[in-house]
Structure formats: structure tokens, C-alpha cells
Amino acid sequence: MSGLTVTTPPSIEPLSAAETKSYLKIDDSVDSTLITRLIEASRVWVENYTNRTLINTVYKLSLDSVGYQDVPLKEGTYTGAYKVPYLDYIELPRSPVSAVASVKYFSDDNTESTWATTNYYVDTAREPARIVLRDGGTWPTSLRNANGIEVNYTAGYGATATDVPEAIRVAMLEYITFLYEHRGDDEGRQLQPSPMLSSLLQPYVIMRYGKSAFGGGY
């Protein structure tokens, strides 16, 4: 099991209130508080949809254990050696990952230690990024039963709005338009954003654990 928490949130949003109001064609003095909230809501929605982080954010990934795969239940008679499959990496949810600050581990008495970087390297060439065990490296052992491993890392396209791909920013504007135009709707209908959103965001979607794009991830 794992848990992902934000330790340092993004310092800005990918869209400004001014450009959002211009896109919505509303007066600059209208609905300022609402627009600010919709910008944040659209960023969170897009991040969940794509399993990405838009503006630099610092995360803490907590793991109960590492190094084992789930072994499917077998039925019937099997011959040959029994072998437990091992993983040699930890996936880091929310791409793109720019830096891993530390990997810590905790013993049963909550003693904290830092896992030496000589045991692993960070693979950012693929998405999701991975912490990969080096040849000769070993995973920490004698961990406490819950949250024995802690990975602290930064993900995001950058620290400014212009670092975010333009297609994602346009998708945010489209989603904000949908939310703004349907605010207060309570007729029990299943309202869906326009298909344009899927077209804009699909190239950026990272599939995880068999979830669909709309299913989100961590």
C-alpha cells in the first residue's frame, strides 16, 4: 500500500484570473473569487485526469514495503521451482519528476534513516519515473509495519505558467468554461465536459494500475 501527500504545494496556478476571464468573455470585475476557485479546481482535475503535476510541487510518497510483486493465486498442479517475483524499482506517481530529495526508512521503533544513493538511481526517462535498484544494491529491511519507506521528490513542468504545455492550459480553460456555464445545475443530469478535453489531454495521460483516464490515479 502507498500514500501520496503534498508537502509543498504549487506557488502559482497555470492560468491567471485575467486570461481566464478573457477566455470566458466576462468583465474583469465579475466573479473574481469564483474564477480563482475554478482555476484551482480545473488544475486538480487535469492533474488527476492525466496523473501529472503541472506546476512544481513537492511530494512525500509513503510505502509500507517495497520489492515484492503480488503473486496471482494458482490452481491445479504445477511443477518446477517456486519463485517469488521481485521488483527492482519504485514508481513515482505524478510526472514529470525533476528531483528526488531523499529516500528515508523507519524501523519499528520509528528510528529514521536515509537510504544511501549508492543503492539506487532515478530514472526520469520514462513516465512514471522510477527509483531503480542498482546492481549490488539492497532494499531497506526491518521496517515498521506502516509507512516504512518515505520518498521525498519534486514533480512538475516548472515554476511558471508558461512551462506548462499549451494544450494542457487550453484544456483547463475549456474545463473552467464547462464549470462556469453549468454552475448551480442540480437537475440530476449526468453533465459531461466536451469531447475536446479528451483530444487535448489524451497525449499527456499516464495510465496506472489499469485505471482509465477518467478514473485518475494516486
Protein backbone atom coordinates (compact mmCIF):
# COMPACT_ATOMS: atom_id res chain seq x y z
CA MET A 1 0.00 0.00 0.00
CA SER A 2 1.13 3.56 -0.58
CA GLY A 3 0.07 7.11 0.12
CA LEU A 4 0.96 10.33 -1.65
CA THR A 5 0.82 13.67 0.13
CA VAL A 6 1.76 17.19 -0.87
CA THR A 7 4.39 18.75 1.39
CA THR A 8 4.92 21.95 -0.64
CA PRO A 9 2.02 22.99 -2.91
CA PRO A 10 2.49 24.88 -6.20
CA SER A 11 3.32 28.55 -5.70
CA ILE A 12 1.15 29.68 -8.64
CA GLU A 13 -1.58 28.36 -10.91
CA PRO A 14 -1.08 27.55 -14.61
CA LEU A 15 -3.65 30.22 -15.51
CA SER A 16 -4.12 33.79 -14.34
CA ALA A 17 -7.51 35.23 -13.44
CA ALA A 18 -7.13 37.83 -16.21
CA GLU A 19 -6.55 35.36 -19.05
CA THR A 20 -9.29 33.10 -17.74
CA LYS A 21 -11.81 35.95 -17.66
CA SER A 22 -10.75 36.96 -21.15
CA TYR A 23 -11.40 33.41 -22.37
CA LEU A 24 -14.80 33.40 -20.68
CA LYS A 25 -15.55 36.86 -22.11
CA ILE A 26 -16.62 38.27 -18.77
CA ASP A 27 -15.86 41.65 -17.23
CA ASP A 28 -12.71 41.87 -15.14
CA SER A 29 -14.66 42.86 -12.03
CA VAL A 30 -17.14 39.95 -12.21
CA ASP A 31 -16.92 36.71 -10.19
CA SER A 32 -13.26 37.16 -9.19
CA THR A 33 -13.44 34.81 -6.21
CA LEU A 34 -15.30 32.17 -8.20
CA ILE A 35 -12.83 32.32 -11.08
CA THR A 36 -9.90 31.83 -8.69
CA ARG A 37 -11.56 28.76 -7.24
CA LEU A 38 -12.39 27.37 -10.67
CA ILE A 39 -8.78 27.74 -11.81
CA GLU A 40 -7.57 25.67 -8.86
CA ALA A 41 -10.35 23.11 -9.35
CA SER A 42 -9.51 22.74 -13.05
CA ARG A 43 -5.79 22.22 -12.27
CA VAL A 44 -6.62 19.49 -9.75
CA TRP A 45 -9.00 17.85 -12.23
CA VAL A 46 -6.43 17.89 -15.05
CA GLU A 47 -3.72 16.52 -12.74
CA ASN A 48 -5.98 13.67 -11.64
CA TYR A 49 -7.05 13.01 -15.23
CA THR A 50 -3.51 12.80 -16.56
CA ASN A 51 -1.64 11.58 -13.44
CA ARG A 52 0.67 14.56 -13.87
CA THR A 53 1.71 17.64 -11.92
CA LEU A 54 1.60 20.95 -13.74
CA ILE A 55 3.49 23.43 -11.51
CA ASN A 56 6.42 22.29 -9.33
CA THR A 57 5.09 20.51 -6.25
CA VAL A 58 6.96 18.63 -3.53
CA TYR A 59 5.53 15.23 -2.62
CA LYS A 60 6.02 12.60 0.04
CA LEU A 61 5.34 9.03 -1.08
CA SER A 62 4.82 6.62 1.82
CA LEU A 63 5.15 2.87 1.27
CA ASP A 64 4.53 0.01 3.68
CA SER A 65 7.09 -2.16 1.89
CA VAL A 66 8.94 -2.46 -1.38
CA GLY A 67 10.44 -5.20 -3.53
CA TYR A 68 7.61 -7.69 -3.93
CA GLN A 69 5.02 -8.20 -6.61
CA ASP A 70 1.57 -9.56 -5.93
CA VAL A 71 1.66 -13.28 -6.75
CA PRO A 72 -1.53 -14.45 -8.52
CA LEU A 73 -3.40 -17.34 -6.95
CA LYS A 74 -2.67 -20.55 -8.86
CA GLU A 75 -4.98 -23.52 -9.02
CA GLY A 76 -4.18 -27.06 -10.00
CA THR A 77 -0.83 -28.85 -10.04
CA TYR A 78 2.39 -27.08 -11.00
CA THR A 79 5.90 -28.44 -11.38
CA GLY A 80 9.18 -26.58 -11.21
CA ALA A 81 10.89 -24.30 -8.75
CA TYR A 82 8.81 -21.87 -6.74
CA LYS A 83 9.99 -18.31 -7.18
CA VAL A 84 8.67 -15.11 -5.66
CA PRO A 85 8.97 -12.29 -8.24
CA TYR A 86 10.78 -9.20 -7.03
CA LEU A 87 10.52 -5.63 -8.21
CA ASP A 88 13.73 -3.71 -8.66
CA TYR A 89 12.14 -0.28 -8.74
CA ILE A 90 9.69 2.09 -7.06
CA GLU A 91 7.33 4.02 -9.34
CA LEU A 92 6.87 7.71 -8.53
CA PRO A 93 3.34 8.89 -9.23
CA ARG A 94 2.72 12.32 -10.77
CA SER A 95 5.09 13.09 -13.62
CA PRO A 96 7.25 14.79 -14.72
CA VAL A 97 9.66 14.18 -11.84
CA SER A 98 12.53 16.68 -11.68
CA ALA A 99 14.35 15.67 -8.48
CA VAL A 100 14.37 13.11 -5.67
CA ALA A 101 15.49 14.79 -2.45
CA SER A 102 15.71 11.69 -0.27
CA VAL A 103 14.57 8.15 0.40
CA LYS A 104 14.11 7.51 4.10
CA TYR A 105 13.16 4.40 6.01
CA PHE A 106 11.87 3.76 9.51
CA SER A 107 12.43 0.89 11.91
CA ASP A 108 9.75 -0.45 14.23
CA ASP A 109 10.80 1.97 16.98
CA ASN A 110 10.40 4.87 14.46
CA THR A 111 14.13 5.44 14.08
CA GLU A 112 14.62 7.36 10.83
CA SER A 113 17.49 6.59 8.44
CA THR A 114 18.37 7.85 4.97
CA TRP A 115 18.82 5.22 2.28
CA ALA A 116 22.18 5.75 0.58
CA THR A 117 22.06 6.99 -3.01
CA THR A 118 24.64 4.34 -3.90
CA ASN A 119 21.81 1.81 -3.70
CA TYR A 120 19.70 3.36 -6.47
CA TYR A 121 19.41 5.72 -9.38
CA VAL A 122 16.47 7.83 -10.56
CA ASP A 123 15.05 7.01 -13.97
CA THR A 124 13.22 10.04 -15.40
CA ALA A 125 13.45 8.87 -19.00
CA ARG A 126 10.15 7.05 -18.65
CA GLU A 127 6.82 8.00 -17.14
CA PRO A 128 6.08 7.29 -14.38
CA ALA A 129 9.61 7.99 -13.18
CA ARG A 130 11.26 5.25 -11.12
CA ILE A 131 13.75 4.76 -8.33
CA VAL A 132 15.70 1.77 -9.64
CA LEU A 133 17.78 -0.58 -7.51
CA ARG A 134 21.42 -0.69 -8.66
CA ASP A 135 23.28 -3.95 -9.17
CA GLY A 136 24.51 -4.90 -5.72
CA GLY A 137 22.10 -2.52 -4.02
CA THR A 138 19.66 -3.73 -1.37
CA TRP A 139 16.29 -2.51 -0.22
CA PRO A 140 16.00 -1.34 3.40
CA THR A 141 14.94 -4.09 5.79
CA SER A 142 13.42 -4.39 9.29
CA LEU A 143 10.84 -1.74 8.50
CA ARG A 144 7.93 -0.76 10.70
CA ASN A 145 4.62 -2.26 9.54
CA ALA A 146 3.13 1.00 8.24
CA ASN A 147 4.83 3.66 6.11
CA GLY A 148 8.28 2.16 6.47
CA ILE A 149 9.59 3.84 3.31
CA GLU A 150 9.32 7.56 2.56
CA VAL A 151 10.31 9.13 -0.77
CA ASN A 152 10.52 12.92 -0.99
CA TYR A 153 10.58 14.33 -4.50
CA THR A 154 9.57 17.22 -6.76
CA ALA A 155 7.33 16.91 -9.80
CA GLY A 156 6.04 19.46 -12.29
CA TYR A 157 6.79 21.11 -15.61
CA GLY A 158 8.39 24.11 -13.91
CA ALA A 159 7.80 27.07 -11.63
CA THR A 160 5.97 29.33 -14.11
CA ALA A 161 2.70 29.07 -16.01
CA THR A 162 4.48 29.20 -19.38
CA ASP A 163 6.34 25.97 -18.50
CA VAL A 164 3.06 24.06 -18.78
CA PRO A 165 2.26 22.71 -22.28
CA GLU A 166 -0.18 24.99 -24.04
CA ALA A 167 -2.58 22.16 -24.86
CA ILE A 168 -2.99 21.48 -21.13
CA ARG A 169 -3.60 25.16 -20.40
CA VAL A 170 -6.27 25.29 -23.13
CA ALA A 171 -7.86 22.16 -21.67
CA MET A 172 -8.01 23.90 -18.30
CA LEU A 173 -9.75 26.87 -19.91
CA GLU A 174 -12.26 24.53 -21.54
CA TYR A 175 -12.96 22.78 -18.24
CA ILE A 176 -13.36 26.11 -16.44
CA THR A 177 -15.84 27.18 -19.12
CA PHE A 178 -17.80 23.97 -18.53
CA LEU A 179 -17.84 24.52 -14.76
CA TYR A 180 -18.73 28.20 -15.08
CA GLU A 181 -21.59 27.65 -17.53
CA HIS A 182 -23.08 24.78 -15.51
CA ARG A 183 -22.61 26.21 -12.02
CA GLY A 184 -25.67 25.63 -9.88
CA ASP A 185 -27.11 22.94 -12.17
CA ASP A 186 -28.98 20.45 -9.97
CA GLU A 187 -31.42 18.77 -12.33
CA GLY A 188 -29.99 15.33 -11.71
CA ARG A 189 -28.45 15.10 -15.17
CA GLN A 190 -25.08 13.49 -15.83
CA LEU A 191 -23.22 16.51 -17.18
CA GLN A 192 -20.02 15.74 -19.08
CA PRO A 193 -17.25 18.04 -20.30
CA SER A 194 -16.86 18.42 -24.06
CA PRO A 195 -15.01 15.76 -26.11
CA MET A 196 -12.45 18.46 -26.87
CA LEU A 197 -10.95 17.87 -23.42
CA SER A 198 -10.11 14.27 -24.22
CA SER A 199 -8.50 15.30 -27.50
CA LEU A 200 -6.32 17.90 -25.79
CA LEU A 201 -5.30 15.79 -22.81
CA GLN A 202 -5.08 12.26 -24.18
CA PRO A 203 -1.43 12.62 -25.33
CA TYR A 204 -0.49 13.50 -21.74
CA VAL A 205 -2.41 10.76 -19.91
CA ILE A 206 -0.29 8.28 -17.96
CA MET A 207 -2.12 5.04 -17.35
CA ARG A 208 -1.56 3.46 -13.92
CA TYR A 209 -2.77 0.20 -12.36
CA GLY A 210 -5.32 -0.41 -15.09
CA LYS A 211 -7.25 2.76 -14.33
CA SER A 212 -8.88 4.65 -17.16
CA ALA A 213 -8.01 8.27 -17.75
CA PHE A 214 -11.18 9.47 -16.07
CA GLY A 215 -10.50 7.07 -13.22
CA GLY A 216 -7.48 9.05 -12.15
CA GLY A 217 -4.58 7.68 -10.20
CA TYR A 218 -2.92 8.48 -6.91
